[in-house]
Amino acid sequence: MDIDRLQKRFSSPSGDLRVFEDLSMKFPENTITVILGPSGCGKTTLLNILAGFMPYDGGVIRRKPKQISYLFQEPRLLPWRTVERNISLVLEHHITDRVKQNEAVHHYLELVGLQRFAGHYPHELSGGMKQRAAIARAFACPSQLLLMDEPFQALDLDLRISLVNSFTRLWEEDPKTTIFVTHDIQEALMVADTVTVFSKAPAQVRGTVKISIPRSQRSLEDAELSKVERKVLSLLLSSRG
């Protein structure tokens, strides 16, 4: 998928806010692109445009998949459905055989460590468990594109690390073209194939950094990953100008 000369403006009584002015990007198939940049530069706006939640004013989006999953900042589980029925919701139109549907649901619950909580309702789960369920649902959905809008930001460090590990385990089993917005450089370093840094609005690509180290071998103490971190940090500092 790629975008070519994307344009987006928000109008207000005080004048137009130009978020994108001829923004062009490529998102290689079945890779993870992490987007970093200053607050207000349009990262979430881009996800909402790609999801079809928001119109855009110009440009072209090419080869956008029809099936899209969106992992939000909050879990957005249906409170009247159990964990397993929240996940089965995205499968009901694709797997009609109830036995196969249940097998798929429990497969994803096992991968995120929630198999013992399949019959629980969202209010009975901790914040981290709710987000695990949301991750399982996003991967259970038979989509080709996964959009992620800072899904781990409200959690403490240990939970973030645990959820990043759950996400990468699911992604390695079922790779999807993924666009992941975050403010956390270390989060980006652990999951990304490519880190893209936006300038302030109207956003342009300030630079990209590719990470060739296999995800299973990445450590924040590793010298090679530290070099990548310095490159990303340098781009972020320059994006404020």
C-alpha atoms as a PDB file:
ATOM      1  CA  MET A   1       0.000   0.000   0.000  1.00  0.00           C
ATOM      2  CA  ASP A   2       1.163   3.554  -0.622  1.00  0.00           C
ATOM      3  CA  ILE A   3      -0.114   7.116  -0.447  1.00  0.00           C
ATOM      4  CA  ASP A   4       0.738   9.760  -3.009  1.00  0.00           C
ATOM      5  CA  ARG A   5       0.538  13.509  -2.387  1.00  0.00           C
ATOM      6  CA  LEU A   6      -2.041  13.135   0.384  1.00  0.00           C
ATOM      7  CA  GLN A   7      -3.704  16.366   1.484  1.00  0.00           C
ATOM      8  CA  LYS A   8      -5.807  17.061   4.551  1.00  0.00           C
ATOM      9  CA  ARG A   9      -6.959  20.322   6.111  1.00  0.00           C
ATOM     10  CA  PHE A  10      -9.197  21.143   9.059  1.00  0.00           C
ATOM     11  CA  SER A  11     -11.186  24.367   8.825  1.00  0.00           C
ATOM     12  CA  SER A  12     -12.071  26.565  11.784  1.00  0.00           C
ATOM     13  CA  PRO A  13     -13.178  30.183  12.312  1.00  0.00           C
ATOM     14  CA  SER A  14      -9.549  31.104  12.994  1.00  0.00           C
ATOM     15  CA  GLY A  15      -8.341  29.618   9.714  1.00  0.00           C
ATOM     16  CA  ASP A  16      -7.339  26.357   8.086  1.00  0.00           C
ATOM     17  CA  LEU A  17      -4.979  23.890   9.732  1.00  0.00           C
ATOM     18  CA  ARG A  18      -2.935  22.059   7.114  1.00  0.00           C
ATOM     19  CA  VAL A  19      -2.177  18.585   8.464  1.00  0.00           C
ATOM     20  CA  PHE A  20      -0.905  16.990   5.241  1.00  0.00           C
ATOM     21  CA  GLU A  21       0.314  18.811   2.155  1.00  0.00           C
ATOM     22  CA  ASP A  22       1.473  16.371  -0.531  1.00  0.00           C
ATOM     23  CA  LEU A  23       2.505  13.595   1.880  1.00  0.00           C
ATOM     24  CA  SER A  24       3.793  10.483   0.103  1.00  0.00           C
ATOM     25  CA  MET A  25       4.700   7.162   1.766  1.00  0.00           C
ATOM     26  CA  LYS A  26       5.030   3.468   0.969  1.00  0.00           C
ATOM     27  CA  PHE A  27       4.012   0.678   3.347  1.00  0.00           C
ATOM     28  CA  PRO A  28       5.637  -2.610   2.268  1.00  0.00           C
ATOM     29  CA  GLU A  29       3.387  -5.634   2.479  1.00  0.00           C
ATOM     30  CA  ASN A  30       3.582  -7.719   5.658  1.00  0.00           C
ATOM     31  CA  THR A  31       5.984  -5.397   7.451  1.00  0.00           C
ATOM     32  CA  ILE A  32       5.592  -3.125  10.479  1.00  0.00           C
ATOM     33  CA  THR A  33       5.994   0.608   9.871  1.00  0.00           C
ATOM     34  CA  VAL A  34       6.174   2.630  13.085  1.00  0.00           C
ATOM     35  CA  ILE A  35       5.416   6.361  12.854  1.00  0.00           C
ATOM     36  CA  LEU A  36       6.906   8.806  15.350  1.00  0.00           C
ATOM     37  CA  GLY A  37       6.658  12.576  15.379  1.00  0.00           C
ATOM     38  CA  PRO A  38       5.673  15.699  17.335  1.00  0.00           C
ATOM     39  CA  SER A  39       2.249  15.898  18.968  1.00  0.00           C
ATOM     40  CA  GLY A  40      -0.318  17.249  16.538  1.00  0.00           C
ATOM     41  CA  CYS A  41       1.621  16.313  13.410  1.00  0.00           C
ATOM     42  CA  GLY A  42      -1.169  14.089  12.066  1.00  0.00           C
ATOM     43  CA  LYS A  43      -0.198  10.545  13.035  1.00  0.00           C
ATOM     44  CA  THR A  44      -3.677   9.550  14.253  1.00  0.00           C
ATOM     45  CA  THR A  45      -5.291  11.537  11.441  1.00  0.00           C
ATOM     46  CA  LEU A  46      -3.398   9.385   8.943  1.00  0.00           C
ATOM     47  CA  LEU A  47      -4.679   6.188  10.571  1.00  0.00           C
ATOM     48  CA  ASN A  48      -8.244   7.511  10.546  1.00  0.00           C
ATOM     49  CA  ILE A  49      -7.973   8.389   6.851  1.00  0.00           C
ATOM     50  CA  LEU A  50      -6.606   4.939   6.017  1.00  0.00           C
ATOM     51  CA  ALA A  51      -9.378   3.302   8.062  1.00  0.00           C
ATOM     52  CA  GLY A  52     -12.008   5.271   6.154  1.00  0.00           C
ATOM     53  CA  PHE A  53     -13.175   7.122   9.265  1.00  0.00           C
ATOM     54  CA  MET A  54     -12.199  10.513   7.872  1.00  0.00           C
ATOM     55  CA  PRO A  55     -12.241  12.035   4.364  1.00  0.00           C
ATOM     56  CA  TYR A  56      -9.152  13.595   2.808  1.00  0.00           C
ATOM     57  CA  ASP A  57      -8.873  16.565   0.493  1.00  0.00           C
ATOM     58  CA  GLY A  58      -6.533  15.331  -2.212  1.00  0.00           C
ATOM     59  CA  GLY A  59      -4.035  12.706  -3.250  1.00  0.00           C
ATOM     60  CA  VAL A  60      -4.295   8.977  -3.885  1.00  0.00           C
ATOM     61  CA  ILE A  61      -4.265   5.903  -1.644  1.00  0.00           C
ATOM     62  CA  ARG A  62      -3.189   2.901  -3.722  1.00  0.00           C
ATOM     63  CA  ARG A  63      -3.751  -0.789  -3.064  1.00  0.00           C
ATOM     64  CA  LYS A  64      -5.564  -0.246   0.235  1.00  0.00           C
ATOM     65  CA  PRO A  65      -6.866  -3.617   1.488  1.00  0.00           C
ATOM     66  CA  LYS A  66     -10.589  -4.064   1.932  1.00  0.00           C
ATOM     67  CA  GLN A  67     -10.247  -5.772   5.295  1.00  0.00           C
ATOM     68  CA  ILE A  68      -8.728  -3.584   8.041  1.00  0.00           C
ATOM     69  CA  SER A  69      -8.194  -4.099  11.780  1.00  0.00           C
ATOM     70  CA  TYR A  70      -7.793  -1.117  14.109  1.00  0.00           C
ATOM     71  CA  LEU A  71      -6.213  -1.369  17.557  1.00  0.00           C
ATOM     72  CA  PHE A  72      -7.147   1.761  19.510  1.00  0.00           C
ATOM     73  CA  GLN A  73      -5.672   3.435  22.591  1.00  0.00           C
ATOM     74  CA  GLU A  74      -8.470   1.846  24.630  1.00  0.00           C
ATOM     75  CA  PRO A  75      -9.652  -1.790  24.221  1.00  0.00           C
ATOM     76  CA  ARG A  76     -13.231  -1.004  23.084  1.00  0.00           C
ATOM     77  CA  LEU A  77     -14.546  -4.416  24.101  1.00  0.00           C
ATOM     78  CA  LEU A  78     -18.316  -4.898  24.105  1.00  0.00           C
ATOM     79  CA  PRO A  79     -19.251  -4.988  27.818  1.00  0.00           C
ATOM     80  CA  TRP A  80     -22.183  -7.392  27.338  1.00  0.00           C
ATOM     81  CA  ARG A  81     -20.016 -10.026  25.618  1.00  0.00           C
ATOM     82  CA  THR A  82     -17.518 -12.343  27.250  1.00  0.00           C
ATOM     83  CA  VAL A  83     -13.891 -12.262  26.132  1.00  0.00           C
ATOM     84  CA  GLU A  84     -14.351 -15.216  23.793  1.00  0.00           C
ATOM     85  CA  ARG A  85     -17.528 -13.728  22.302  1.00  0.00           C
ATOM     86  CA  ASN A  86     -15.789 -10.374  21.749  1.00  0.00           C
ATOM     87  CA  ILE A  87     -13.224 -12.210  19.653  1.00  0.00           C
ATOM     88  CA  SER A  88     -15.745 -14.457  17.873  1.00  0.00           C
ATOM     89  CA  LEU A  89     -17.596 -11.311  16.761  1.00  0.00           C
ATOM     90  CA  VAL A  90     -14.973 -10.623  14.060  1.00  0.00           C
ATOM     91  CA  LEU A  91     -15.096 -14.237  12.851  1.00  0.00           C
ATOM     92  CA  GLU A  92     -18.849 -14.817  12.563  1.00  0.00           C
ATOM     93  CA  HIS A  93     -19.084 -13.759   8.903  1.00  0.00           C
ATOM     94  CA  HIS A  94     -15.927 -15.611   7.886  1.00  0.00           C
ATOM     95  CA  ILE A  95     -16.086 -18.920   9.771  1.00  0.00           C
ATOM     96  CA  THR A  96     -19.641 -20.268   9.914  1.00  0.00           C
ATOM     97  CA  ASP A  97     -18.707 -23.627  11.418  1.00  0.00           C
ATOM     98  CA  ARG A  98     -19.092 -23.095  15.183  1.00  0.00           C
ATOM     99  CA  VAL A  99     -16.477 -25.707  16.117  1.00  0.00           C
ATOM    100  CA  LYS A 100     -13.838 -24.158  13.830  1.00  0.00           C
ATOM    101  CA  GLN A 101     -14.802 -20.701  15.081  1.00  0.00           C
ATOM    102  CA  ASN A 102     -14.280 -21.761  18.709  1.00  0.00           C
ATOM    103  CA  GLU A 103     -10.951 -23.359  17.806  1.00  0.00           C
ATOM    104  CA  ALA A 104      -9.770 -20.104  16.231  1.00  0.00           C
ATOM    105  CA  VAL A 105     -10.918 -18.025  19.215  1.00  0.00           C
ATOM    106  CA  HIS A 106      -9.142 -20.227  21.731  1.00  0.00           C
ATOM    107  CA  HIS A 107      -6.019 -20.324  19.598  1.00  0.00           C
ATOM    108  CA  TYR A 108      -5.710 -16.534  19.816  1.00  0.00           C
ATOM    109  CA  LEU A 109      -6.619 -16.483  23.506  1.00  0.00           C
ATOM    110  CA  GLU A 110      -3.850 -18.979  24.175  1.00  0.00           C
ATOM    111  CA  LEU A 111      -1.324 -16.853  22.297  1.00  0.00           C
ATOM    112  CA  VAL A 112      -2.083 -13.844  24.523  1.00  0.00           C
ATOM    113  CA  GLY A 113      -2.364 -15.898  27.720  1.00  0.00           C
ATOM    114  CA  LEU A 114      -6.095 -15.404  28.311  1.00  0.00           C
ATOM    115  CA  GLN A 115      -7.458 -18.904  27.778  1.00  0.00           C
ATOM    116  CA  ARG A 116      -8.481 -19.140  31.468  1.00  0.00           C
ATOM    117  CA  PHE A 117     -10.502 -15.932  31.139  1.00  0.00           C
ATOM    118  CA  ALA A 118     -12.481 -16.821  28.020  1.00  0.00           C
ATOM    119  CA  GLY A 119     -15.794 -16.710  29.891  1.00  0.00           C
ATOM    120  CA  HIS A 120     -15.104 -13.471  31.764  1.00  0.00           C
ATOM    121  CA  TYR A 121     -16.711 -10.135  30.929  1.00  0.00           C
ATOM    122  CA  PRO A 122     -14.577  -7.019  30.304  1.00  0.00           C
ATOM    123  CA  HIS A 123     -15.398  -5.475  33.697  1.00  0.00           C
ATOM    124  CA  GLU A 124     -13.846  -8.536  35.344  1.00  0.00           C
ATOM    125  CA  LEU A 125     -10.473  -7.988  33.657  1.00  0.00           C
ATOM    126  CA  SER A 126      -7.531  -5.725  34.459  1.00  0.00           C
ATOM    127  CA  GLY A 127      -6.513  -3.004  31.996  1.00  0.00           C
ATOM    128  CA  GLY A 128      -3.671  -5.101  30.627  1.00  0.00           C
ATOM    129  CA  MET A 129      -5.912  -8.132  30.160  1.00  0.00           C
ATOM    130  CA  LYS A 130      -8.495  -6.053  28.296  1.00  0.00           C
ATOM    131  CA  GLN A 131      -5.797  -4.853  25.929  1.00  0.00           C
ATOM    132  CA  ARG A 132      -4.595  -8.444  25.418  1.00  0.00           C
ATOM    133  CA  ALA A 133      -8.137  -9.354  24.418  1.00  0.00           C
ATOM    134  CA  ALA A 134      -8.208  -6.406  22.003  1.00  0.00           C
ATOM    135  CA  ILE A 135      -4.921  -7.584  20.444  1.00  0.00           C
ATOM    136  CA  ALA A 136      -6.297 -11.110  20.059  1.00  0.00           C
ATOM    137  CA  ARG A 137      -9.437  -9.707  18.394  1.00  0.00           C
ATOM    138  CA  ALA A 138      -7.382  -7.578  15.994  1.00  0.00           C
ATOM    139  CA  PHE A 139      -5.411 -10.610  14.832  1.00  0.00           C
ATOM    140  CA  ALA A 140      -8.432 -12.915  14.720  1.00  0.00           C
ATOM    141  CA  CYS A 141     -10.041 -10.555  12.217  1.00  0.00           C
ATOM    142  CA  PRO A 142      -9.097 -11.805   8.717  1.00  0.00           C
ATOM    143  CA  SER A 143      -7.592  -8.479   7.664  1.00  0.00           C
ATOM    144  CA  GLN A 144      -4.615  -7.557   5.509  1.00  0.00           C
ATOM    145  CA  LEU A 145      -3.960  -4.189   7.179  1.00  0.00           C
ATOM    146  CA  LEU A 146      -3.565  -3.528  10.916  1.00  0.00           C
ATOM    147  CA  LEU A 147      -3.669   0.053  12.222  1.00  0.00           C
ATOM    148  CA  MET A 148      -2.402   0.682  15.769  1.00  0.00           C
ATOM    149  CA  ASP A 149      -2.904   4.007  17.560  1.00  0.00           C
ATOM    150  CA  GLU A 150      -0.708   4.015  20.692  1.00  0.00           C
ATOM    151  CA  PRO A 151      -2.455   0.931  22.112  1.00  0.00           C
ATOM    152  CA  PHE A 152      -0.041   0.550  25.044  1.00  0.00           C
ATOM    153  CA  GLN A 153       0.399   4.170  26.099  1.00  0.00           C
ATOM    154  CA  ALA A 154      -1.813   4.150  29.211  1.00  0.00           C
ATOM    155  CA  LEU A 155      -0.076   1.153  30.806  1.00  0.00           C
ATOM    156  CA  ASP A 156       2.926   0.890  33.090  1.00  0.00           C
ATOM    157  CA  LEU A 157       6.321  -0.251  31.828  1.00  0.00           C
ATOM    158  CA  ASP A 158       6.043  -3.932  32.781  1.00  0.00           C
ATOM    159  CA  LEU A 159       2.617  -4.235  31.173  1.00  0.00           C
ATOM    160  CA  ARG A 160       3.785  -2.441  28.025  1.00  0.00           C
ATOM    161  CA  ILE A 161       6.696  -4.847  27.661  1.00  0.00           C
ATOM    162  CA  SER A 162       4.386  -7.823  28.198  1.00  0.00           C
ATOM    163  CA  LEU A 163       1.868  -6.548  25.635  1.00  0.00           C
ATOM    164  CA  VAL A 164       4.563  -5.739  23.086  1.00  0.00           C
ATOM    165  CA  ASN A 165       5.749  -9.335  23.466  1.00  0.00           C
ATOM    166  CA  SER A 166       2.185 -10.623  22.974  1.00  0.00           C
ATOM    167  CA  PHE A 167       1.796  -8.460  19.886  1.00  0.00           C
ATOM    168  CA  THR A 168       5.087  -9.553  18.300  1.00  0.00           C
ATOM    169  CA  ARG A 169       4.304 -13.219  19.009  1.00  0.00           C
ATOM    170  CA  LEU A 170       0.953 -12.893  17.212  1.00  0.00           C
ATOM    171  CA  TRP A 171       2.443 -10.871  14.370  1.00  0.00           C
ATOM    172  CA  GLU A 172       5.241 -13.369  13.699  1.00  0.00           C
ATOM    173  CA  GLU A 173       2.636 -16.129  13.418  1.00  0.00           C
ATOM    174  CA  ASP A 174       0.311 -14.085  11.198  1.00  0.00           C
ATOM    175  CA  PRO A 175       2.154 -11.160   9.546  1.00  0.00           C
ATOM    176  CA  LYS A 176       0.001  -8.254   8.392  1.00  0.00           C
ATOM    177  CA  THR A 177       0.870  -4.933   6.820  1.00  0.00           C
ATOM    178  CA  THR A 178       0.977  -2.889  10.018  1.00  0.00           C
ATOM    179  CA  ILE A 179       1.110   0.860  10.681  1.00  0.00           C
ATOM    180  CA  PHE A 180       1.879   1.537  14.343  1.00  0.00           C
ATOM    181  CA  VAL A 181       1.706   5.049  15.817  1.00  0.00           C
ATOM    182  CA  THR A 182       3.535   5.649  19.094  1.00  0.00           C
ATOM    183  CA  HIS A 183       5.454   8.277  21.071  1.00  0.00           C
ATOM    184  CA  ASP A 184       7.715   5.652  22.620  1.00  0.00           C
ATOM    185  CA  ILE A 185      11.060   5.189  20.838  1.00  0.00           C
ATOM    186  CA  GLN A 186      11.858   1.962  22.667  1.00  0.00           C
ATOM    187  CA  GLU A 187       8.489   0.502  21.725  1.00  0.00           C
ATOM    188  CA  ALA A 188       9.272   1.381  18.112  1.00  0.00           C
ATOM    189  CA  LEU A 189      12.711  -0.226  18.284  1.00  0.00           C
ATOM    190  CA  MET A 190      11.308  -3.522  19.554  1.00  0.00           C
ATOM    191  CA  VAL A 191       8.615  -4.001  16.888  1.00  0.00           C
ATOM    192  CA  ALA A 192       9.423  -2.012  13.733  1.00  0.00           C
ATOM    193  CA  ASP A 193      10.838  -3.067  10.400  1.00  0.00           C
ATOM    194  CA  THR A 194      10.921   0.626   9.496  1.00  0.00           C
ATOM    195  CA  VAL A 195      10.664   3.697  11.725  1.00  0.00           C
ATOM    196  CA  THR A 196       9.326   6.785   9.948  1.00  0.00           C
ATOM    197  CA  VAL A 197       9.609  10.190  11.613  1.00  0.00           C
ATOM    198  CA  PHE A 198       7.148  12.958  10.724  1.00  0.00           C
ATOM    199  CA  SER A 199       7.894  16.663  10.847  1.00  0.00           C
ATOM    200  CA  LYS A 200       5.474  19.033  12.563  1.00  0.00           C
ATOM    201  CA  ALA A 201       2.301  19.846  10.601  1.00  0.00           C
ATOM    202  CA  PRO A 202       1.900  20.018   7.706  1.00  0.00           C
ATOM    203  CA  ALA A 203       3.618  16.656   8.103  1.00  0.00           C
ATOM    204  CA  GLN A 204       6.345  15.479   5.803  1.00  0.00           C
ATOM    205  CA  VAL A 205       8.594  12.450   6.211  1.00  0.00           C
ATOM    206  CA  ARG A 206      11.649  13.794   8.045  1.00  0.00           C
ATOM    207  CA  GLY A 207      13.437  10.479   7.614  1.00  0.00           C
ATOM    208  CA  THR A 208      13.176   6.702   7.813  1.00  0.00           C
ATOM    209  CA  VAL A 209      15.329   4.149   9.603  1.00  0.00           C
ATOM    210  CA  LYS A 210      15.223   0.443   8.751  1.00  0.00           C
ATOM    211  CA  ILE A 211      15.868  -2.181  11.427  1.00  0.00           C
ATOM    212  CA  SER A 212      17.319  -5.427  10.106  1.00  0.00           C
ATOM    213  CA  ILE A 213      17.855  -7.124  13.482  1.00  0.00           C
ATOM    214  CA  PRO A 214      15.364 -10.018  13.894  1.00  0.00           C
ATOM    215  CA  ARG A 215      12.719  -9.107  16.465  1.00  0.00           C
ATOM    216  CA  SER A 216      13.480 -12.202  18.532  1.00  0.00           C
ATOM    217  CA  GLN A 217      17.102 -11.045  18.901  1.00  0.00           C
ATOM    218  CA  ARG A 218      16.472  -7.417  19.831  1.00  0.00           C
ATOM    219  CA  SER A 219      17.550  -6.045  23.173  1.00  0.00           C
ATOM    220  CA  LEU A 220      17.546  -2.422  24.269  1.00  0.00           C
ATOM    221  CA  GLU A 221      21.046  -3.018  25.674  1.00  0.00           C
ATOM    222  CA  ASP A 222      22.354  -4.199  22.286  1.00  0.00           C
ATOM    223  CA  ALA A 223      24.966  -1.888  20.738  1.00  0.00           C
ATOM    224  CA  GLU A 224      23.538  -2.246  17.235  1.00  0.00           C
ATOM    225  CA  LEU A 225      20.035  -1.303  18.356  1.00  0.00           C
ATOM    226  CA  SER A 226      21.490   1.621  20.314  1.00  0.00           C
ATOM    227  CA  LYS A 227      22.893   2.980  17.034  1.00  0.00           C
ATOM    228  CA  VAL A 228      19.414   2.776  15.517  1.00  0.00           C
ATOM    229  CA  GLU A 229      17.979   4.551  18.565  1.00  0.00           C
ATOM    230  CA  ARG A 230      20.439   7.435  18.148  1.00  0.00           C
ATOM    231  CA  LYS A 231      19.452   7.849  14.486  1.00  0.00           C
ATOM    232  CA  VAL A 232      15.756   7.909  15.373  1.00  0.00           C
ATOM    233  CA  LEU A 233      16.322  10.361  18.225  1.00  0.00           C
ATOM    234  CA  SER A 234      18.288  12.663  15.918  1.00  0.00           C
ATOM    235  CA  LEU A 235      15.414  12.668  13.421  1.00  0.00           C
ATOM    236  CA  LEU A 236      12.897  13.369  16.195  1.00  0.00           C
ATOM    237  CA  LEU A 237      14.914  16.312  17.479  1.00  0.00           C
ATOM    238  CA  SER A 238      15.160  17.749  13.966  1.00  0.00           C
ATOM    239  CA  SER A 239      11.402  17.258  13.426  1.00  0.00           C
ATOM    240  CA  ARG A 240      10.659  19.958  16.001  1.00  0.00           C
ATOM    241  CA  GLY A 241      12.241  22.639  13.894  1.00  0.00           C
END
